[in-house]
Amino acid sequence: MRQKDLLELETRRDHIRAKRDRFNEERQTEFRAGFDQISRTLKHIYRTITDGGDAELEFCSSNDPFVDGVELR
């Protein structure tokens, strides 16, 4: 493989990685916004139907909710 071809492939690879990173960041941001809204709504509805009870939606781990999930307490 020629040096020029290798450099072109490395540039493409770096471009794809940058896109992937931006996508993952946006996915986390959008998920968090939706999660927060759902959590607030859940808390409000649960208090209403249980006359003061408490429910929370939270991340199982602070690392990655797409891997670790969420839980209802």
C-alpha atoms as a PDB file:
ATOM      1  CA  MET A   1       0.000   0.000   0.000  1.00  0.00           C
ATOM      2  CA  ARG A   2       1.329   3.378  -0.863  1.00  0.00           C
ATOM      3  CA  GLN A   3       1.956   6.034   1.737  1.00  0.00           C
ATOM      4  CA  LYS A   4      -0.627   8.326   0.132  1.00  0.00           C
ATOM      5  CA  ASP A   5      -3.299   5.600   0.317  1.00  0.00           C
ATOM      6  CA  LEU A   6      -2.463   4.921   3.940  1.00  0.00           C
ATOM      7  CA  LEU A   7      -2.759   8.597   4.855  1.00  0.00           C
ATOM      8  CA  GLU A   8      -6.102   8.823   3.067  1.00  0.00           C
ATOM      9  CA  LEU A   9      -7.418   5.795   4.949  1.00  0.00           C
ATOM     10  CA  GLU A  10      -6.215   7.188   8.263  1.00  0.00           C
ATOM     11  CA  THR A  11      -7.943  10.495   7.512  1.00  0.00           C
ATOM     12  CA  ARG A  12     -11.187   8.708   6.681  1.00  0.00           C
ATOM     13  CA  ARG A  13     -10.906   6.619   9.844  1.00  0.00           C
ATOM     14  CA  ASP A  14     -10.372   9.722  11.971  1.00  0.00           C
ATOM     15  CA  HIS A  15     -13.352  11.423  10.336  1.00  0.00           C
ATOM     16  CA  ILE A  16     -15.596   8.414  11.046  1.00  0.00           C
ATOM     17  CA  ARG A  17     -14.408   8.251  14.661  1.00  0.00           C
ATOM     18  CA  ALA A  18     -15.133  11.951  15.136  1.00  0.00           C
ATOM     19  CA  LYS A  19     -18.653  11.465  13.741  1.00  0.00           C
ATOM     20  CA  ARG A  20     -19.196   8.489  16.040  1.00  0.00           C
ATOM     21  CA  ASP A  21     -18.059  10.494  19.046  1.00  0.00           C
ATOM     22  CA  ARG A  22     -20.376  13.406  18.163  1.00  0.00           C
ATOM     23  CA  PHE A  23     -23.265  10.986  17.695  1.00  0.00           C
ATOM     24  CA  ASN A  24     -22.621   9.322  21.055  1.00  0.00           C
ATOM     25  CA  GLU A  25     -22.426  12.688  22.786  1.00  0.00           C
ATOM     26  CA  GLU A  26     -25.692  13.829  21.212  1.00  0.00           C
ATOM     27  CA  ARG A  27     -27.348  10.530  22.084  1.00  0.00           C
ATOM     28  CA  GLN A  28     -26.326  10.913  25.736  1.00  0.00           C
ATOM     29  CA  THR A  29     -27.536  14.526  25.846  1.00  0.00           C
ATOM     30  CA  GLU A  30     -30.893  13.734  24.262  1.00  0.00           C
ATOM     31  CA  PHE A  31     -31.397  10.663  26.424  1.00  0.00           C
ATOM     32  CA  ARG A  32     -30.628  12.627  29.575  1.00  0.00           C
ATOM     33  CA  ALA A  33     -33.100  15.378  28.637  1.00  0.00           C
ATOM     34  CA  GLY A  34     -35.849  12.826  28.013  1.00  0.00           C
ATOM     35  CA  PHE A  35     -34.943  10.857  31.111  1.00  0.00           C
ATOM     36  CA  ASP A  36     -35.145  13.946  33.319  1.00  0.00           C
ATOM     37  CA  GLN A  37     -38.565  14.895  31.925  1.00  0.00           C
ATOM     38  CA  ILE A  38     -39.922  11.370  32.361  1.00  0.00           C
ATOM     39  CA  SER A  39     -38.516  11.186  35.891  1.00  0.00           C
ATOM     40  CA  ARG A  40     -40.179  14.474  36.923  1.00  0.00           C
ATOM     41  CA  THR A  41     -43.500  13.410  35.398  1.00  0.00           C
ATOM     42  CA  LEU A  42     -43.337   9.978  37.048  1.00  0.00           C
ATOM     43  CA  LYS A  43     -42.663  11.533  40.446  1.00  0.00           C
ATOM     44  CA  HIS A  44     -45.606  13.928  40.059  1.00  0.00           C
ATOM     45  CA  ILE A  45     -48.053  11.267  38.853  1.00  0.00           C
ATOM     46  CA  TYR A  46     -47.003   8.753  41.507  1.00  0.00           C
ATOM     47  CA  ARG A  47     -47.457  11.322  44.295  1.00  0.00           C
ATOM     48  CA  THR A  48     -50.898  12.132  42.924  1.00  0.00           C
ATOM     49  CA  ILE A  49     -52.173   8.566  42.667  1.00  0.00           C
ATOM     50  CA  THR A  50     -50.686   7.409  45.986  1.00  0.00           C
ATOM     51  CA  ASP A  51     -51.581  10.535  47.964  1.00  0.00           C
ATOM     52  CA  GLY A  52     -47.993  11.499  48.687  1.00  0.00           C
ATOM     53  CA  GLY A  53     -45.933   8.420  47.804  1.00  0.00           C
ATOM     54  CA  ASP A  54     -42.524   8.721  46.241  1.00  0.00           C
ATOM     55  CA  ALA A  55     -41.084   7.114  43.120  1.00  0.00           C
ATOM     56  CA  GLU A  56     -37.807   7.788  41.363  1.00  0.00           C
ATOM     57  CA  LEU A  57     -36.317   6.804  38.078  1.00  0.00           C
ATOM     58  CA  GLU A  58     -32.537   6.594  38.246  1.00  0.00           C
ATOM     59  CA  PHE A  59     -29.525   5.272  36.414  1.00  0.00           C
ATOM     60  CA  CYS A  60     -28.257   1.878  37.589  1.00  0.00           C
ATOM     61  CA  SER A  61     -24.745   3.215  37.119  1.00  0.00           C
ATOM     62  CA  SER A  62     -23.418   6.649  36.282  1.00  0.00           C
ATOM     63  CA  ASN A  63     -21.359   5.280  33.400  1.00  0.00           C
ATOM     64  CA  ASP A  64     -23.687   4.479  30.525  1.00  0.00           C
ATOM     65  CA  PRO A  65     -27.454   4.031  30.797  1.00  0.00           C
ATOM     66  CA  PHE A  66     -27.462   2.332  27.397  1.00  0.00           C
ATOM     67  CA  VAL A  67     -25.382  -0.478  28.888  1.00  0.00           C
ATOM     68  CA  ASP A  68     -26.323  -0.465  32.583  1.00  0.00           C
ATOM     69  CA  GLY A  69     -29.971   0.563  32.286  1.00  0.00           C
ATOM     70  CA  VAL A  70     -32.286   2.489  34.590  1.00  0.00           C
ATOM     71  CA  GLU A  71     -34.380   1.433  37.541  1.00  0.00           C
ATOM     72  CA  LEU A  72     -37.574   2.523  39.195  1.00  0.00           C
ATOM     73  CA  ARG A  73     -37.448   2.960  42.953  1.00  0.00           C
END
